Amino acid sequence: DKKGWAFGLGLERLAMVLFGIPDIRLFWTDDKRFTEQFKDGKITKFKSFSKYPPCYKDISFWISPEFTENNLCEIVRGCGGDIVEKVELIDSFTNAKKGKTSHCY
């Protein structure tokens, strides 16, 4: 009986160290969030991203005079935590007859 170890140091492993890539499986993805980070002739550190695809959702509601955008952002980030990347006003509508304003984020 003989015992031994097997290991390899392929190009992918070298690139992982050079670019700071944590998972070798990323090399076989066609996710643009990964592939667009690297350009020919440039060494740039990998910037991590969610393993889930982007999900664009919006929410619309009538606002009161006491409403502040900062309070909304605190609530959204308090509920969603680190998975929330951006909260921005997309549209604002004012109903002149009712005197109400609606925001869409």
C-alpha atoms as a PDB file:
ATOM      1  CA  ASP A   1       0.000   0.000   0.000  1.00  0.00           C
ATOM      2  CA  LYS A   2       1.217   3.443  -0.959  1.00  0.00           C
ATOM      3  CA  LYS A   3      -0.202   6.784   0.108  1.00  0.00           C
ATOM      4  CA  GLY A   4       0.174  10.110  -1.584  1.00  0.00           C
ATOM      5  CA  TRP A   5      -1.364  13.486  -2.198  1.00  0.00           C
ATOM      6  CA  ALA A   6      -2.562  14.981  -5.413  1.00  0.00           C
ATOM      7  CA  PHE A   7      -2.832  18.682  -6.008  1.00  0.00           C
ATOM      8  CA  GLY A   8      -2.767  21.034  -8.922  1.00  0.00           C
ATOM      9  CA  LEU A   9      -1.916  24.631  -9.598  1.00  0.00           C
ATOM     10  CA  GLY A  10      -3.686  25.431 -12.846  1.00  0.00           C
ATOM     11  CA  LEU A  11      -4.107  28.795 -14.512  1.00  0.00           C
ATOM     12  CA  GLU A  12      -7.470  29.295 -12.820  1.00  0.00           C
ATOM     13  CA  ARG A  13      -5.887  28.982  -9.375  1.00  0.00           C
ATOM     14  CA  LEU A  14      -3.184  31.473 -10.284  1.00  0.00           C
ATOM     15  CA  ALA A  15      -5.794  33.908 -11.614  1.00  0.00           C
ATOM     16  CA  MET A  16      -7.811  33.478  -8.405  1.00  0.00           C
ATOM     17  CA  VAL A  17      -4.817  34.645  -6.367  1.00  0.00           C
ATOM     18  CA  LEU A  18      -3.869  37.438  -8.783  1.00  0.00           C
ATOM     19  CA  PHE A  19      -7.372  38.903  -9.118  1.00  0.00           C
ATOM     20  CA  GLY A  20      -8.737  37.990  -5.660  1.00  0.00           C
ATOM     21  CA  ILE A  21     -11.460  35.701  -7.013  1.00  0.00           C
ATOM     22  CA  PRO A  22     -12.926  33.568  -4.196  1.00  0.00           C
ATOM     23  CA  ASP A  23     -14.697  30.822  -6.183  1.00  0.00           C
ATOM     24  CA  ILE A  24     -13.240  28.891  -9.114  1.00  0.00           C
ATOM     25  CA  ARG A  25     -16.724  28.270 -10.537  1.00  0.00           C
ATOM     26  CA  LEU A  26     -16.933  31.938 -11.542  1.00  0.00           C
ATOM     27  CA  PHE A  27     -14.572  31.221 -14.432  1.00  0.00           C
ATOM     28  CA  TRP A  28     -17.294  29.162 -16.121  1.00  0.00           C
ATOM     29  CA  THR A  29     -20.072  31.727 -15.752  1.00  0.00           C
ATOM     30  CA  ASP A  30     -21.292  34.061 -18.466  1.00  0.00           C
ATOM     31  CA  ASP A  31     -22.663  36.516 -15.883  1.00  0.00           C
ATOM     32  CA  LYS A  32     -21.747  39.986 -17.141  1.00  0.00           C
ATOM     33  CA  ARG A  33     -21.284  41.213 -13.562  1.00  0.00           C
ATOM     34  CA  PHE A  34     -18.236  38.952 -13.520  1.00  0.00           C
ATOM     35  CA  THR A  35     -16.968  39.038 -17.099  1.00  0.00           C
ATOM     36  CA  GLU A  36     -17.139  42.829 -17.492  1.00  0.00           C
ATOM     37  CA  GLN A  37     -14.846  43.400 -14.506  1.00  0.00           C
ATOM     38  CA  PHE A  38     -11.775  42.299 -16.424  1.00  0.00           C
ATOM     39  CA  LYS A  39     -10.112  43.925 -19.434  1.00  0.00           C
ATOM     40  CA  ASP A  40      -7.226  42.724 -21.574  1.00  0.00           C
ATOM     41  CA  GLY A  41      -3.855  43.814 -20.250  1.00  0.00           C
ATOM     42  CA  LYS A  42      -5.176  45.158 -16.907  1.00  0.00           C
ATOM     43  CA  ILE A  43      -4.951  43.553 -13.489  1.00  0.00           C
ATOM     44  CA  THR A  44      -7.935  44.603 -11.388  1.00  0.00           C
ATOM     45  CA  LYS A  45      -9.175  43.122  -8.131  1.00  0.00           C
ATOM     46  CA  PHE A  46     -12.454  41.233  -8.287  1.00  0.00           C
ATOM     47  CA  LYS A  47     -15.451  43.095  -6.838  1.00  0.00           C
ATOM     48  CA  SER A  48     -17.944  40.692  -5.299  1.00  0.00           C
ATOM     49  CA  PHE A  49     -21.611  40.710  -6.259  1.00  0.00           C
ATOM     50  CA  SER A  50     -24.743  38.904  -5.192  1.00  0.00           C
ATOM     51  CA  LYS A  51     -25.022  35.316  -6.364  1.00  0.00           C
ATOM     52  CA  TYR A  52     -28.642  36.089  -7.180  1.00  0.00           C
ATOM     53  CA  PRO A  53     -29.578  37.939 -10.373  1.00  0.00           C
ATOM     54  CA  PRO A  54     -30.723  41.558 -10.048  1.00  0.00           C
ATOM     55  CA  CYS A  55     -34.376  42.007  -9.149  1.00  0.00           C
ATOM     56  CA  TYR A  56     -35.913  45.339 -10.058  1.00  0.00           C
ATOM     57  CA  LYS A  57     -39.050  46.095  -8.066  1.00  0.00           C
ATOM     58  CA  ASP A  58     -40.811  49.336  -7.431  1.00  0.00           C
ATOM     59  CA  ILE A  59     -43.280  50.592  -4.883  1.00  0.00           C
ATOM     60  CA  SER A  60     -45.686  53.510  -5.189  1.00  0.00           C
ATOM     61  CA  PHE A  61     -47.646  55.228  -2.452  1.00  0.00           C
ATOM     62  CA  TRP A  62     -49.336  58.483  -1.539  1.00  0.00           C
ATOM     63  CA  ILE A  63     -47.163  60.608   0.702  1.00  0.00           C
ATOM     64  CA  SER A  64     -48.169  62.737   3.668  1.00  0.00           C
ATOM     65  CA  PRO A  65     -46.715  66.153   4.521  1.00  0.00           C
ATOM     66  CA  GLU A  66     -44.627  64.445   7.246  1.00  0.00           C
ATOM     67  CA  PHE A  67     -42.997  62.040   4.776  1.00  0.00           C
ATOM     68  CA  THR A  68     -39.215  62.177   4.383  1.00  0.00           C
ATOM     69  CA  GLU A  69     -37.204  60.159   1.912  1.00  0.00           C
ATOM     70  CA  ASN A  70     -34.583  59.503   4.562  1.00  0.00           C
ATOM     71  CA  ASN A  71     -37.121  57.719   6.784  1.00  0.00           C
ATOM     72  CA  LEU A  72     -38.187  55.514   3.857  1.00  0.00           C
ATOM     73  CA  CYS A  73     -34.555  54.570   3.147  1.00  0.00           C
ATOM     74  CA  GLU A  74     -34.018  53.666   6.816  1.00  0.00           C
ATOM     75  CA  ILE A  75     -37.070  51.382   6.791  1.00  0.00           C
ATOM     76  CA  VAL A  76     -36.109  49.690   3.516  1.00  0.00           C
ATOM     77  CA  ARG A  77     -32.521  49.114   4.613  1.00  0.00           C
ATOM     78  CA  GLY A  78     -33.693  47.983   8.055  1.00  0.00           C
ATOM     79  CA  CYS A  79     -35.878  45.303   6.466  1.00  0.00           C
ATOM     80  CA  GLY A  80     -33.705  44.360   3.501  1.00  0.00           C
ATOM     81  CA  GLY A  81     -30.267  44.777   5.027  1.00  0.00           C
ATOM     82  CA  ASP A  82     -27.277  44.270   2.764  1.00  0.00           C
ATOM     83  CA  ILE A  83     -29.303  42.856  -0.125  1.00  0.00           C
ATOM     84  CA  VAL A  84     -30.730  46.331  -0.846  1.00  0.00           C
ATOM     85  CA  GLU A  85     -28.379  48.048  -3.253  1.00  0.00           C
ATOM     86  CA  LYS A  86     -30.238  51.208  -4.166  1.00  0.00           C
ATOM     87  CA  VAL A  87     -33.358  53.177  -3.214  1.00  0.00           C
ATOM     88  CA  GLU A  88     -34.152  56.024  -5.563  1.00  0.00           C
ATOM     89  CA  LEU A  89     -37.140  58.088  -6.563  1.00  0.00           C
ATOM     90  CA  ILE A  90     -38.256  56.987 -10.037  1.00  0.00           C
ATOM     91  CA  ASP A  91     -41.391  59.088 -10.470  1.00  0.00           C
ATOM     92  CA  SER A  92     -43.536  61.620  -8.684  1.00  0.00           C
ATOM     93  CA  PHE A  93     -47.177  62.350  -9.487  1.00  0.00           C
ATOM     94  CA  THR A  94     -49.471  65.015  -8.069  1.00  0.00           C
ATOM     95  CA  ASN A  95     -53.239  64.714  -8.401  1.00  0.00           C
ATOM     96  CA  ALA A  96     -54.315  68.349  -8.648  1.00  0.00           C
ATOM     97  CA  LYS A  97     -57.989  67.606  -7.895  1.00  0.00           C
ATOM     98  CA  LYS A  98     -57.253  65.706  -4.691  1.00  0.00           C
ATOM     99  CA  GLY A  99     -54.120  67.638  -3.741  1.00  0.00           C
ATOM    100  CA  LYS A 100     -52.207  64.408  -3.162  1.00  0.00           C
ATOM    101  CA  THR A 101     -48.729  63.439  -4.275  1.00  0.00           C
ATOM    102  CA  SER A 102     -47.553  59.922  -5.061  1.00  0.00           C
ATOM    103  CA  HIS A 103     -43.939  58.722  -5.164  1.00  0.00           C
ATOM    104  CA  CYS A 104     -42.589  55.683  -6.938  1.00  0.00           C
ATOM    105  CA  TYR A 105     -39.290  54.224  -5.658  1.00  0.00           C
END
